[in-house]
Amino acid sequence: MPICENCHNKWSWKQTIKKTFPLDPRMTCPYCGETQYQIQKSKTKGGFLIGTVFFLLLLIQNFFDISVAGSLSLLPVMLIIIFLLYPFLVELNSREEGIFN
Protein backbone atom coordinates (compact mmCIF):
# COMPACT_ATOMS: atom_id res chain seq x y z
CA MET A 1 0.00 0.00 0.00
CA PRO A 2 1.24 3.51 -0.68
CA ILE A 3 2.71 5.65 2.07
CA CYS A 4 2.42 9.45 1.99
CA GLU A 5 5.85 11.00 1.57
CA ASN A 6 4.77 14.01 3.64
CA CYS A 7 3.02 12.55 6.73
CA HIS A 8 4.24 8.92 6.36
CA ASN A 9 0.75 7.47 6.87
CA LYS A 10 -0.08 4.26 5.05
CA TRP A 11 -3.14 4.46 2.82
CA SER A 12 -5.77 1.74 2.98
CA TRP A 13 -6.69 -0.40 -0.02
CA LYS A 14 -10.00 1.44 -0.39
CA GLN A 15 -8.38 4.89 -0.21
CA THR A 16 -5.82 3.86 -2.82
CA ILE A 17 -8.50 2.60 -5.21
CA LYS A 18 -10.52 5.81 -4.84
CA LYS A 19 -7.48 8.02 -5.49
CA THR A 20 -5.91 5.96 -8.28
CA PHE A 21 -8.70 5.55 -10.82
CA PRO A 22 -9.67 9.17 -11.65
CA LEU A 23 -7.84 10.52 -14.71
CA ASP A 24 -6.14 13.27 -12.70
CA PRO A 25 -2.55 12.18 -11.86
CA ARG A 26 -2.63 14.11 -8.59
CA MET A 27 -3.73 12.24 -5.50
CA THR A 28 -4.55 14.09 -2.29
CA CYS A 29 -3.44 12.37 0.91
CA PRO A 30 -6.51 11.54 3.01
CA TYR A 31 -4.53 12.25 6.20
CA CYS A 32 -2.58 15.47 5.60
CA GLY A 33 -4.19 16.83 2.41
CA GLU A 34 -0.88 17.13 0.53
CA THR A 35 -0.77 16.37 -3.18
CA GLN A 36 0.98 13.12 -4.05
CA TYR A 37 1.92 11.57 -7.39
CA GLN A 38 2.42 7.97 -8.39
CA ILE A 39 6.08 7.37 -9.22
CA GLN A 40 7.07 6.07 -12.66
CA LYS A 41 8.43 2.81 -11.24
CA SER A 42 5.01 2.15 -9.73
CA LYS A 43 3.26 2.85 -13.03
CA THR A 44 5.64 0.44 -14.75
CA LYS A 45 4.85 -2.27 -12.20
CA GLY A 46 1.13 -1.73 -12.82
CA GLY A 47 1.62 -2.10 -16.56
CA PHE A 48 3.67 -5.23 -15.99
CA LEU A 49 0.87 -6.66 -13.79
CA ILE A 50 -1.73 -6.03 -16.51
CA GLY A 51 0.51 -7.54 -19.19
CA THR A 52 1.28 -10.59 -17.05
CA VAL A 53 -2.38 -11.26 -16.27
CA PHE A 54 -3.36 -11.06 -19.94
CA PHE A 55 -0.39 -13.23 -20.92
CA LEU A 56 -1.62 -15.82 -18.40
CA LEU A 57 -5.05 -15.61 -20.00
CA LEU A 58 -3.50 -16.47 -23.38
CA LEU A 59 -1.51 -19.33 -21.85
CA ILE A 60 -4.64 -20.75 -20.21
CA GLN A 61 -6.46 -20.50 -23.52
CA ASN A 62 -3.70 -22.37 -25.35
CA PHE A 63 -2.89 -25.05 -22.76
CA PHE A 64 -6.48 -25.99 -21.98
CA ASP A 65 -7.77 -25.56 -25.54
CA ILE A 66 -10.42 -23.04 -24.48
CA SER A 67 -12.39 -21.25 -27.17
CA VAL A 68 -12.24 -17.47 -27.62
CA ALA A 69 -15.68 -17.20 -25.98
CA GLY A 70 -14.39 -19.25 -23.04
CA SER A 71 -11.36 -17.05 -22.61
CA LEU A 72 -13.53 -13.94 -22.81
CA SER A 73 -15.59 -15.35 -19.94
CA LEU A 74 -12.34 -15.47 -17.91
CA LEU A 75 -11.68 -11.80 -18.65
CA PRO A 76 -13.84 -10.46 -15.75
CA VAL A 77 -11.95 -12.74 -13.35
CA MET A 78 -8.64 -11.42 -14.64
CA LEU A 79 -9.82 -7.82 -14.31
CA ILE A 80 -10.85 -8.46 -10.72
CA ILE A 81 -7.40 -9.89 -9.99
CA ILE A 82 -5.80 -6.73 -11.42
CA PHE A 83 -8.21 -4.54 -9.44
CA LEU A 84 -7.37 -6.38 -6.19
CA LEU A 85 -3.59 -6.41 -6.64
CA TYR A 86 -2.94 -2.97 -8.15
CA PRO A 87 -3.09 -0.92 -4.91
CA PHE A 88 -0.25 -3.00 -3.46
CA LEU A 89 2.03 -1.75 -6.27
CA VAL A 90 1.32 1.98 -5.87
CA GLU A 91 4.20 4.10 -4.57
CA LEU A 92 3.94 7.86 -4.03
CA ASN A 93 6.12 10.91 -4.32
CA SER A 94 5.44 14.54 -3.45
CA ARG A 95 6.52 15.74 -6.90
CA GLU A 96 5.42 14.65 -10.34
CA GLU A 97 7.94 12.60 -12.29
CA GLY A 98 8.34 12.39 -16.03
CA ILE A 99 9.09 9.21 -17.90
CA PHE A 100 12.85 9.78 -17.83
CA ASN A 101 13.26 10.82 -14.17
PDB file of N, CA and C in Angstrom:
ATOM      1  N   MET A   1       0.840  -1.179   0.000  1.00  0.00           N
ATOM      2  CA  MET A   1       0.000   0.000   0.000  1.00  0.00           C
ATOM      3  C   MET A   1       0.892   1.252   0.000  1.00  0.00           C
ATOM      4  N   PRO A   2       0.417   2.296  -0.627  1.00  0.00           N
ATOM      5  CA  PRO A   2       1.239   3.510  -0.685  1.00  0.00           C
ATOM      6  C   PRO A   2       1.345   4.189   0.680  1.00  0.00           C
ATOM      7  N   ILE A   3       2.458   4.879   0.854  1.00  0.00           N
ATOM      8  CA  ILE A   3       2.712   5.647   2.070  1.00  0.00           C
ATOM      9  C   ILE A   3       2.952   7.092   1.655  1.00  0.00           C
ATOM     10  N   CYS A   4       2.254   8.023   2.296  1.00  0.00           N
ATOM     11  CA  CYS A   4       2.416   9.450   1.987  1.00  0.00           C
ATOM     12  C   CYS A   4       3.840   9.869   2.307  1.00  0.00           C
ATOM     13  N   GLU A   5       4.476  10.542   1.361  1.00  0.00           N
ATOM     14  CA  GLU A   5       5.848  11.004   1.566  1.00  0.00           C
ATOM     15  C   GLU A   5       5.915  12.152   2.571  1.00  0.00           C
ATOM     16  N   ASN A   6       4.805  12.865   2.743  1.00  0.00           N
ATOM     17  CA  ASN A   6       4.771  14.007   3.642  1.00  0.00           C
ATOM     18  C   ASN A   6       4.511  13.591   5.097  1.00  0.00           C
ATOM     19  N   CYS A   7       3.403  12.888   5.351  1.00  0.00           N
ATOM     20  CA  CYS A   7       3.020  12.553   6.732  1.00  0.00           C
ATOM     21  C   CYS A   7       3.359  11.113   7.113  1.00  0.00           C
ATOM     22  N   HIS A   8       3.809  10.305   6.151  1.00  0.00           N
ATOM     23  CA  HIS A   8       4.238   8.924   6.358  1.00  0.00           C
ATOM     24  C   HIS A   8       3.118   7.998   6.838  1.00  0.00           C
ATOM     25  N   ASN A   9       1.873   8.346   6.551  1.00  0.00           N
ATOM     26  CA  ASN A   9       0.748   7.474   6.865  1.00  0.00           C
ATOM     27  C   ASN A   9       0.511   6.521   5.709  1.00  0.00           C
ATOM     28  N   LYS A  10       0.191   5.286   6.045  1.00  0.00           N
ATOM     29  CA  LYS A  10      -0.077   4.262   5.046  1.00  0.00           C
ATOM     30  C   LYS A  10      -1.542   4.336   4.640  1.00  0.00           C
ATOM     31  N   TRP A  11      -1.783   4.399   3.338  1.00  0.00           N
ATOM     32  CA  TRP A  11      -3.143   4.459   2.820  1.00  0.00           C
ATOM     33  C   TRP A  11      -3.767   3.071   2.860  1.00  0.00           C
ATOM     34  N   SER A  12      -5.067   3.023   3.024  1.00  0.00           N
ATOM     35  CA  SER A  12      -5.765   1.741   2.980  1.00  0.00           C
ATOM     36  C   SER A  12      -5.986   1.339   1.527  1.00  0.00           C
ATOM     37  N   TRP A  13      -6.402   0.089   1.325  1.00  0.00           N
ATOM     38  CA  TRP A  13      -6.689  -0.400  -0.020  1.00  0.00           C
ATOM     39  C   TRP A  13      -7.798   0.429  -0.655  1.00  0.00           C
ATOM     40  N   LYS A  14      -8.854   0.688   0.119  1.00  0.00           N
ATOM     41  CA  LYS A  14     -10.003   1.435  -0.391  1.00  0.00           C
ATOM     42  C   LYS A  14      -9.614   2.874  -0.756  1.00  0.00           C
ATOM     43  N   GLN A  15      -8.824   3.530   0.088  1.00  0.00           N
ATOM     44  CA  GLN A  15      -8.378   4.894  -0.208  1.00  0.00           C
ATOM     45  C   GLN A  15      -7.530   4.911  -1.480  1.00  0.00           C
ATOM     46  N   THR A  16      -6.691   3.920  -1.644  1.00  0.00           N
ATOM     47  CA  THR A  16      -5.821   3.857  -2.820  1.00  0.00           C
ATOM     48  C   THR A  16      -6.645   3.683  -4.090  1.00  0.00           C
ATOM     49  N   ILE A  17      -7.634   2.805  -4.049  1.00  0.00           N
ATOM     50  CA  ILE A  17      -8.503   2.596  -5.214  1.00  0.00           C
ATOM     51  C   ILE A  17      -9.232   3.889  -5.570  1.00  0.00           C
ATOM     52  N   LYS A  18      -9.777   4.570  -4.578  1.00  0.00           N
ATOM     53  CA  LYS A  18     -10.515   5.814  -4.839  1.00  0.00           C
ATOM     54  C   LYS A  18      -9.619   6.884  -5.459  1.00  0.00           C
ATOM     55  N   LYS A  19      -8.383   6.969  -5.021  1.00  0.00           N
ATOM     56  CA  LYS A  19      -7.485   8.021  -5.493  1.00  0.00           C
ATOM     57  C   LYS A  19      -6.793   7.663  -6.807  1.00  0.00           C
ATOM     58  N   THR A  20      -6.671   6.392  -7.118  1.00  0.00           N
ATOM     59  CA  THR A  20      -5.906   5.958  -8.285  1.00  0.00           C
ATOM     60  C   THR A  20      -6.690   6.026  -9.584  1.00  0.00           C
ATOM     61  N   PHE A  21      -7.972   5.718  -9.579  1.00  0.00           N
ATOM     62  CA  PHE A  21      -8.696   5.550 -10.823  1.00  0.00           C
ATOM     63  C   PHE A  21      -9.210   6.812 -11.504  1.00  0.00           C
ATOM     64  N   PRO A  22      -9.332   7.974 -10.853  1.00  0.00           N
ATOM     65  CA  PRO A  22      -9.665   9.170 -11.647  1.00  0.00           C
ATOM     66  C   PRO A  22      -8.529   9.492 -12.625  1.00  0.00           C
ATOM     67  N   LEU A  23      -8.847  10.215 -13.688  1.00  0.00           N
ATOM     68  CA  LEU A  23      -7.843  10.516 -14.713  1.00  0.00           C
ATOM     69  C   LEU A  23      -6.800  11.537 -14.264  1.00  0.00           C
ATOM     70  N   ASP A  24      -7.073  12.282 -13.206  1.00  0.00           N
ATOM     71  CA  ASP A  24      -6.135  13.272 -12.699  1.00  0.00           C
ATOM     72  C   ASP A  24      -4.944  12.563 -12.042  1.00  0.00           C
ATOM     73  N   PRO A  25      -3.703  12.876 -12.447  1.00  0.00           N
ATOM     74  CA  PRO A  25      -2.550  12.181 -11.862  1.00  0.00           C
ATOM     75  C   PRO A  25      -2.265  12.578 -10.412  1.00  0.00           C
ATOM     76  N   ARG A  26      -2.841  13.677  -9.979  1.00  0.00           N
ATOM     77  CA  ARG A  26      -2.629  14.107  -8.594  1.00  0.00           C
ATOM     78  C   ARG A  26      -3.522  13.310  -7.658  1.00  0.00           C
ATOM     79  N   MET A  27      -2.966  12.925  -6.525  1.00  0.00           N
ATOM     80  CA  MET A  27      -3.734  12.236  -5.497  1.00  0.00           C
ATOM     81  C   MET A  27      -3.539  12.993  -4.190  1.00  0.00           C
ATOM     82  N   THR A  28      -4.622  13.360  -3.546  1.00  0.00           N
ATOM     83  CA  THR A  28      -4.548  14.092  -2.291  1.00  0.00           C
ATOM     84  C   THR A  28      -4.522  13.100  -1.140  1.00  0.00           C
ATOM     85  N   CYS A  29      -3.564  13.251  -0.248  1.00  0.00           N
ATOM     86  CA  CYS A  29      -3.438  12.368   0.906  1.00  0.00           C
ATOM     87  C   CYS A  29      -4.673  12.534   1.793  1.00  0.00           C
ATOM     88  N   PRO A  30      -5.320  11.437   2.168  1.00  0.00           N
ATOM     89  CA  PRO A  30      -6.511  11.537   3.014  1.00  0.00           C
ATOM     90  C   PRO A  30      -6.187  11.942   4.453  1.00  0.00           C
ATOM     91  N   TYR A  31      -4.919  11.918   4.834  1.00  0.00           N
ATOM     92  CA  TYR A  31      -4.534  12.248   6.202  1.00  0.00           C
ATOM     93  C   TYR A  31      -4.050  13.685   6.357  1.00  0.00           C
ATOM     94  N   CYS A  32      -3.144  14.122   5.456  1.00  0.00           N
ATOM     95  CA  CYS A  32      -2.577  15.473   5.605  1.00  0.00           C
ATOM     96  C   CYS A  32      -3.047  16.442   4.527  1.00  0.00           C
ATOM     97  N   GLY A  33      -3.676  15.966   3.468  1.00  0.00           N
ATOM     98  CA  GLY A  33      -4.186  16.826   2.415  1.00  0.00           C
ATOM     99  C   GLY A  33      -3.160  17.260   1.381  1.00  0.00           C
ATOM    100  N   GLU A  34      -1.925  16.781   1.491  1.00  0.00           N
ATOM    101  CA  GLU A  34      -0.881  17.133   0.532  1.00  0.00           C
ATOM    102  C   GLU A  34      -1.077  16.372  -0.780  1.00  0.00           C
ATOM    103  N   THR A  35      -0.676  17.000  -1.869  1.00  0.00           N
ATOM    104  CA  THR A  35      -0.771  16.371  -3.180  1.00  0.00           C
ATOM    105  C   THR A  35       0.367  15.375  -3.343  1.00  0.00           C
ATOM    106  N   GLN A  36       0.023  14.184  -3.811  1.00  0.00           N
ATOM    107  CA  GLN A  36       0.985  13.120  -4.049  1.00  0.00           C
ATOM    108  C   GLN A  36       0.845  12.660  -5.499  1.00  0.00           C
ATOM    109  N   TYR A  37       1.901  12.084  -6.024  1.00  0.00           N
ATOM    110  CA  TYR A  37       1.915  11.572  -7.390  1.00  0.00           C
ATOM    111  C   TYR A  37       2.453  10.152  -7.371  1.00  0.00           C
ATOM    112  N   GLN A  38       1.932   9.333  -8.257  1.00  0.00           N
ATOM    113  CA  GLN A  38       2.425   7.974  -8.386  1.00  0.00           C
ATOM    114  C   GLN A  38       3.757   8.029  -9.113  1.00  0.00           C
ATOM    115  N   ILE A  39       4.764   7.335  -8.596  1.00  0.00           N
ATOM    116  CA  ILE A  39       6.079   7.365  -9.223  1.00  0.00           C
ATOM    117  C   ILE A  39       6.077   6.496 -10.481  1.00  0.00           C
ATOM    118  N   GLN A  40       7.006   6.773 -11.376  1.00  0.00           N
ATOM    119  CA  GLN A  40       7.066   6.072 -12.657  1.00  0.00           C
ATOM    120  C   GLN A  40       7.315   4.583 -12.469  1.00  0.00           C
ATOM    121  N   LYS A  41       8.150   4.224 -11.510  1.00  0.00           N
ATOM    122  CA  LYS A  41       8.431   2.814 -11.241  1.00  0.00           C
ATOM    123  C   LYS A  41       7.145   2.073 -10.883  1.00  0.00           C
ATOM    124  N   SER A  42       6.291   2.728 -10.129  1.00  0.00           N
ATOM    125  CA  SER A  42       5.013   2.150  -9.732  1.00  0.00           C
ATOM    126  C   SER A  42       4.090   1.972 -10.933  1.00  0.00           C
ATOM    127  N   LYS A  43       4.078   2.958 -11.819  1.00  0.00           N
ATOM    128  CA  LYS A  43       3.261   2.855 -13.028  1.00  0.00           C
ATOM    129  C   LYS A  43       3.749   1.704 -13.912  1.00  0.00           C
ATOM    130  N   THR A  44       5.061   1.523 -13.977  1.00  0.00           N
ATOM    131  CA  THR A  44       5.638   0.436 -14.753  1.00  0.00           C
ATOM    132  C   THR A  44       5.239  -0.913 -14.175  1.00  0.00           C
ATOM    133  N   LYS A  45       5.268  -1.027 -12.845  1.00  0.00           N
ATOM    134  CA  LYS A  45       4.845  -2.272 -12.196  1.00  0.00           C
ATOM    135  C   LYS A  45       3.384  -2.573 -12.504  1.00  0.00           C
ATOM    136  N   GLY A  46       2.546  -1.547 -12.499  1.00  0.00           N
ATOM    137  CA  GLY A  46       1.132  -1.726 -12.818  1.00  0.00           C
ATOM    138  C   GLY A  46       0.936  -2.221 -14.237  1.00  0.00           C
ATOM    139  N   GLY A  47       1.682  -1.652 -15.167  1.00  0.00           N
ATOM    140  CA  GLY A  47       1.616  -2.101 -16.556  1.00  0.00           C
ATOM    141  C   GLY A  47       2.104  -3.529 -16.710  1.00  0.00           C
ATOM    142  N   PHE A  48       3.149  -3.866 -15.959  1.00  0.00           N
ATOM    143  CA  PHE A  48       3.667  -5.230 -15.989  1.00  0.00           C
ATOM    144  C   PHE A  48       2.635  -6.202 -15.432  1.00  0.00           C
ATOM    145  N   LEU A  49       1.927  -5.818 -14.366  1.00  0.00           N
ATOM    146  CA  LEU A  49       0.870  -6.660 -13.795  1.00  0.00           C
ATOM    147  C   LEU A  49      -0.218  -6.933 -14.823  1.00  0.00           C
ATOM    148  N   ILE A  50      -0.672  -5.883 -15.490  1.00  0.00           N
ATOM    149  CA  ILE A  50      -1.725  -6.029 -16.505  1.00  0.00           C
ATOM    150  C   ILE A  50      -1.250  -6.932 -17.642  1.00  0.00           C
ATOM    151  N   GLY A  51      -0.042  -6.705 -18.117  1.00  0.00           N
ATOM    152  CA  GLY A  51       0.506  -7.539 -19.190  1.00  0.00           C
ATOM    153  C   GLY A  51       0.647  -8.992 -18.775  1.00  0.00           C
ATOM    154  N   THR A  52       1.110  -9.235 -17.556  1.00  0.00           N
ATOM    155  CA  THR A  52       1.275 -10.594 -17.055  1.00  0.00           C
ATOM    156  C   THR A  52      -0.057 -11.319 -16.942  1.00  0.00           C
ATOM    157  N   VAL A  53      -1.071 -10.633 -16.421  1.00  0.00           N
ATOM    158  CA  VAL A  53      -2.380 -11.258 -16.267  1.00  0.00           C
ATOM    159  C   VAL A  53      -2.961 -11.628 -17.628  1.00  0.00           C
ATOM    160  N   PHE A  54      -2.839 -10.747 -18.609  1.00  0.00           N
ATOM    161  CA  PHE A  54      -3.362 -11.062 -19.939  1.00  0.00           C
ATOM    162  C   PHE A  54      -2.530 -12.125 -20.651  1.00  0.00           C
ATOM    163  N   PHE A  55      -1.231 -12.164 -20.381  1.00  0.00           N
ATOM    164  CA  PHE A  55      -0.395 -13.228 -20.916  1.00  0.00           C
ATOM    165  C   PHE A  55      -0.824 -14.572 -20.332  1.00  0.00           C
ATOM    166  N   LEU A  56      -1.124 -14.600 -19.029  1.00  0.00           N
ATOM    167  CA  LEU A  56      -1.625 -15.823 -18.400  1.00  0.00           C
ATOM    168  C   LEU A  56      -2.948 -16.257 -19.017  1.00  0.00           C
ATOM    169  N   LEU A  57      -3.786 -15.293 -19.344  1.00  0.00           N
ATOM    170  CA  LEU A  57      -5.053 -15.609 -19.999  1.00  0.00           C
ATOM    171  C   LEU A  57      -4.805 -16.314 -21.337  1.00  0.00           C
ATOM    172  N   LEU A  58      -3.842 -15.828 -22.105  1.00  0.00           N
ATOM    173  CA  LEU A  58      -3.497 -16.468 -23.381  1.00  0.00           C
ATOM    174  C   LEU A  58      -2.911 -17.865 -23.176  1.00  0.00           C
ATOM    175  N   LEU A  59      -2.067 -18.012 -22.137  1.00  0.00           N
ATOM    176  CA  LEU A  59      -1.508 -19.329 -21.851  1.00  0.00           C
ATOM    177  C   LEU A  59      -2.597 -20.321 -21.454  1.00  0.00           C
ATOM    178  N   ILE A  60      -3.523 -19.891 -20.621  1.00  0.00           N
ATOM    179  CA  ILE A  60      -4.637 -20.750 -20.214  1.00  0.00           C
ATOM    180  C   ILE A  60      -5.446 -21.160 -21.432  1.00  0.00           C
ATOM    181  N   GLN A  61      -5.687 -20.211 -22.316  1.00  0.00           N
ATOM    182  CA  GLN A  61      -6.457 -20.500 -23.525  1.00  0.00           C
ATOM    183  C   GLN A  61      -5.750 -21.553 -24.376  1.00  0.00           C
ATOM    184  N   ASN A  62      -4.442 -21.432 -24.509  1.00  0.00           N
ATOM    185  CA  ASN A  62      -3.702 -22.373 -25.355  1.00  0.00           C
ATOM    186  C   ASN A  62      -3.511 -23.742 -24.707  1.00  0.00           C
ATOM    187  N   PHE A  63      -3.160 -23.782 -23.423  1.00  0.00           N
ATOM    188  CA  PHE A  63      -2.890 -25.053 -22.759  1.00  0.00           C
ATOM    189  C   PHE A  63      -4.151 -25.889 -22.549  1.00  0.00           C
ATOM    190  N   PHE A  64      -5.259 -25.254 -22.272  1.00  0.00           N
ATOM    191  CA  PHE A  64      -6.483 -25.989 -21.982  1.00  0.00           C
ATOM    192  C   PHE A  64      -7.453 -26.006 -23.155  1.00  0.00           C
ATOM    193  N   ASP A  65      -6.986 -25.550 -24.304  1.00  0.00           N
ATOM    194  CA  ASP A  65      -7.773 -25.559 -25.535  1.00  0.00           C
ATOM    195  C   ASP A  65      -9.171 -24.964 -25.320  1.00  0.00           C
ATOM    196  N   ILE A  66      -9.169 -23.764 -24.749  1.00  0.00           N
ATOM    197  CA  ILE A  66     -10.417 -23.042 -24.480  1.00  0.00           C
ATOM    198  C   ILE A  66     -10.732 -22.168 -25.688  1.00  0.00           C
ATOM    199  N   SER A  67     -11.994 -22.079 -26.041  1.00  0.00           N
ATOM    200  CA  SER A  67     -12.395 -21.246 -27.174  1.00  0.00           C
ATOM    201  C   SER A  67     -12.227 -19.763 -26.815  1.00  0.00           C
ATOM    202  N   VAL A  68     -12.327 -18.924 -27.841  1.00  0.00           N
ATOM    203  CA  VAL A  68     -12.239 -17.474 -27.620  1.00  0.00           C
ATOM    204  C   VAL A  68     -13.354 -17.016 -26.686  1.00  0.00           C
ATOM    205  N   ALA A  69     -14.553 -17.558 -26.853  1.00  0.00           N
ATOM    206  CA  ALA A  69     -15.677 -17.202 -25.978  1.00  0.00           C
ATOM    207  C   ALA A  69     -15.391 -17.626 -24.546  1.00  0.00           C
ATOM    208  N   GLY A  70     -14.755 -18.778 -24.379  1.00  0.00           N
ATOM    209  CA  GLY A  70     -14.389 -19.246 -23.042  1.00  0.00           C
ATOM    210  C   GLY A  70     -13.356 -18.358 -22.385  1.00  0.00           C
ATOM    211  N   SER A  71     -12.385 -17.930 -23.179  1.00  0.00           N
ATOM    212  CA  SER A  71     -11.358 -17.046 -22.611  1.00  0.00           C
ATOM    213  C   SER A  71     -11.930 -15.665 -22.305  1.00  0.00           C
ATOM    214  N   LEU A  72     -12.882 -15.214 -23.105  1.00  0.00           N
ATOM    215  CA  LEU A  72     -13.532 -13.937 -22.809  1.00  0.00           C
ATOM    216  C   LEU A  72     -14.356 -14.013 -21.526  1.00  0.00           C
ATOM    217  N   SER A  73     -14.852 -15.202 -21.199  1.00  0.00           N
ATOM    218  CA  SER A  73     -15.588 -15.351 -19.943  1.00  0.00           C
ATOM    219  C   SER A  73     -14.635 -15.298 -18.747  1.00  0.00           C
ATOM    220  N   LEU A  74     -13.341 -15.592 -18.979  1.00  0.00           N
ATOM    221  CA  LEU A  74     -12.337 -15.472 -17.915  1.00  0.00           C
ATOM    222  C   LEU A  74     -11.869 -14.028 -17.728  1.00  0.00           C
ATOM    223  N   LEU A  75     -12.137 -13.188 -18.699  1.00  0.00           N
ATOM    224  CA  LEU A  75     -11.680 -11.797 -18.648  1.00  0.00           C
ATOM    225  C   LEU A  75     -12.157 -11.054 -17.398  1.00  0.00           C
ATOM    226  N   PRO A  76     -13.429 -11.157 -16.993  1.00  0.00           N
ATOM    227  CA  PRO A  76     -13.840 -10.463 -15.755  1.00  0.00           C
ATOM    228  C   PRO A  76     -13.056 -10.932 -14.527  1.00  0.00           C
ATOM    229  N   VAL A  77     -12.725 -12.212 -14.481  1.00  0.00           N
ATOM    230  CA  VAL A  77     -11.946 -12.741 -13.355  1.00  0.00           C
ATOM    231  C   VAL A  77     -10.553 -12.114 -13.352  1.00  0.00           C
ATOM    232  N   MET A  78      -9.967 -12.012 -14.522  1.00  0.00           N
ATOM    233  CA  MET A  78      -8.637 -11.416 -14.637  1.00  0.00           C
ATOM    234  C   MET A  78      -8.660  -9.933 -14.262  1.00  0.00           C
ATOM    235  N   LEU A  79      -9.700  -9.232 -14.670  1.00  0.00           N
ATOM    236  CA  LEU A  79      -9.817  -7.815 -14.313  1.00  0.00           C
ATOM    237  C   LEU A  79      -9.987  -7.630 -12.816  1.00  0.00           C
ATOM    238  N   ILE A  80     -10.705  -8.531 -12.171  1.00  0.00           N
ATOM    239  CA  ILE A  80     -10.854  -8.465 -10.718  1.00  0.00           C
ATOM    240  C   ILE A  80      -9.518  -8.705 -10.032  1.00  0.00           C
ATOM    241  N   ILE A  81      -8.731  -9.631 -10.557  1.00  0.00           N
ATOM    242  CA  ILE A  81      -7.399  -9.887  -9.994  1.00  0.00           C
ATOM    243  C   ILE A  81      -6.532  -8.635 -10.094  1.00  0.00           C
ATOM    244  N   ILE A  82      -6.558  -7.974 -11.250  1.00  0.00           N
ATOM    245  CA  ILE A  82      -5.797  -6.733 -11.425  1.00  0.00           C
ATOM    246  C   ILE A  82      -6.279  -5.680 -10.439  1.00  0.00           C
ATOM    247  N   PHE A  83      -7.592  -5.523 -10.326  1.00  0.00           N
ATOM    248  CA  PHE A  83      -8.205  -4.540  -9.437  1.00  0.00           C
ATOM    249  C   PHE A  83      -7.797  -4.782  -7.983  1.00  0.00           C
ATOM    250  N   LEU A  84      -7.725  -6.042  -7.571  1.00  0.00           N
ATOM    251  CA  LEU A  84      -7.372  -6.375  -6.191  1.00  0.00           C
ATOM    252  C   LEU A  84      -5.885  -6.179  -5.897  1.00  0.00           C
ATOM    253  N   LEU A  85      -5.032  -6.464  -6.866  1.00  0.00           N
ATOM    254  CA  LEU A  85      -3.588  -6.405  -6.640  1.00  0.00           C
ATOM    255  C   LEU A  85      -2.966  -5.033  -6.877  1.00  0.00           C
ATOM    256  N   TYR A  86      -3.557  -4.240  -7.747  1.00  0.00           N
ATOM    257  CA  TYR A  86      -2.940  -2.974  -8.153  1.00  0.00           C
ATOM    258  C   TYR A  86      -2.585  -2.040  -6.986  1.00  0.00           C
ATOM    259  N   PRO A  87      -3.462  -1.836  -5.988  1.00  0.00           N
ATOM    260  CA  PRO A  87      -3.090  -0.916  -4.907  1.00  0.00           C
ATOM    261  C   PRO A  87      -1.827  -1.305  -4.141  1.00  0.00           C
ATOM    262  N   PHE A  88      -1.465  -2.570  -4.153  1.00  0.00           N
ATOM    263  CA  PHE A  88      -0.253  -2.997  -3.462  1.00  0.00           C
ATOM    264  C   PHE A  88       1.014  -2.581  -4.211  1.00  0.00           C
ATOM    265  N   LEU A  89       0.881  -2.162  -5.461  1.00  0.00           N
ATOM    266  CA  LEU A  89       2.027  -1.750  -6.269  1.00  0.00           C
ATOM    267  C   LEU A  89       2.236  -0.240  -6.291  1.00  0.00           C
ATOM    268  N   VAL A  90       1.266   0.518  -5.778  1.00  0.00           N
ATOM    269  CA  VAL A  90       1.322   1.979  -5.869  1.00  0.00           C
ATOM    270  C   VAL A  90       2.342   2.534  -4.869  1.00  0.00           C
ATOM    271  N   GLU A  91       3.231   3.366  -5.386  1.00  0.00           N
ATOM    272  CA  GLU A  91       4.199   4.099  -4.567  1.00  0.00           C
ATOM    273  C   GLU A  91       4.029   5.581  -4.886  1.00  0.00           C
ATOM    274  N   LEU A  92       4.207   6.436  -3.867  1.00  0.00           N
ATOM    275  CA  LEU A  92       3.935   7.861  -4.029  1.00  0.00           C
ATOM    276  C   LEU A  92       5.174   8.713  -3.849  1.00  0.00           C
ATOM    277  N   ASN A  93       5.081   9.906  -4.426  1.00  0.00           N
ATOM    278  CA  ASN A  93       6.124  10.912  -4.322  1.00  0.00           C
ATOM    279  C   ASN A  93       5.426  12.261  -4.218  1.00  0.00           C
ATOM    280  N   SER A  94       6.069  13.227  -3.599  1.00  0.00           N
ATOM    281  CA  SER A  94       5.439  14.540  -3.449  1.00  0.00           C
ATOM    282  C   SER A  94       5.617  15.431  -4.675  1.00  0.00           C
ATOM    283  N   ARG A  95       6.379  14.966  -5.668  1.00  0.00           N
ATOM    284  CA  ARG A  95       6.520  15.742  -6.904  1.00  0.00           C
ATOM    285  C   ARG A  95       6.262  14.826  -8.089  1.00  0.00           C
ATOM    286  N   GLU A  96       5.763  15.423  -9.154  1.00  0.00           N
ATOM    287  CA  GLU A  96       5.425  14.649 -10.336  1.00  0.00           C
ATOM    288  C   GLU A  96       6.697  14.299 -11.106  1.00  0.00           C
ATOM    289  N   GLU A  97       6.786  13.058 -11.538  1.00  0.00           N
ATOM    290  CA  GLU A  97       7.937  12.597 -12.293  1.00  0.00           C
ATOM    291  C   GLU A  97       7.565  12.438 -13.754  1.00  0.00           C
ATOM    292  N   GLY A  98       8.525  12.684 -14.616  1.00  0.00           N
ATOM    293  CA  GLY A  98       8.344  12.391 -16.028  1.00  0.00           C
ATOM    294  C   GLY A  98       8.784  10.965 -16.302  1.00  0.00           C
ATOM    295  N   ILE A  99       8.712  10.571 -17.535  1.00  0.00           N
ATOM    296  CA  ILE A  99       9.088   9.206 -17.903  1.00  0.00           C
ATOM    297  C   ILE A  99      10.587   8.964 -17.672  1.00  0.00           C
ATOM    298  N   PHE A 100      11.402   9.966 -17.887  1.00  0.00           N
ATOM    299  CA  PHE A 100      12.851   9.780 -17.826  1.00  0.00           C
ATOM    300  C   PHE A 100      13.468  10.221 -16.521  1.00  0.00           C
ATOM    301  N   ASN A 101      12.695  10.426 -15.471  1.00  0.00           N
ATOM    302  CA  ASN A 101      13.260  10.825 -14.166  1.00  0.00           C
ATOM    303  C   ASN A 101      13.719   9.626 -13.385  1.00  0.00           C
TER     304      ASN A 101
END
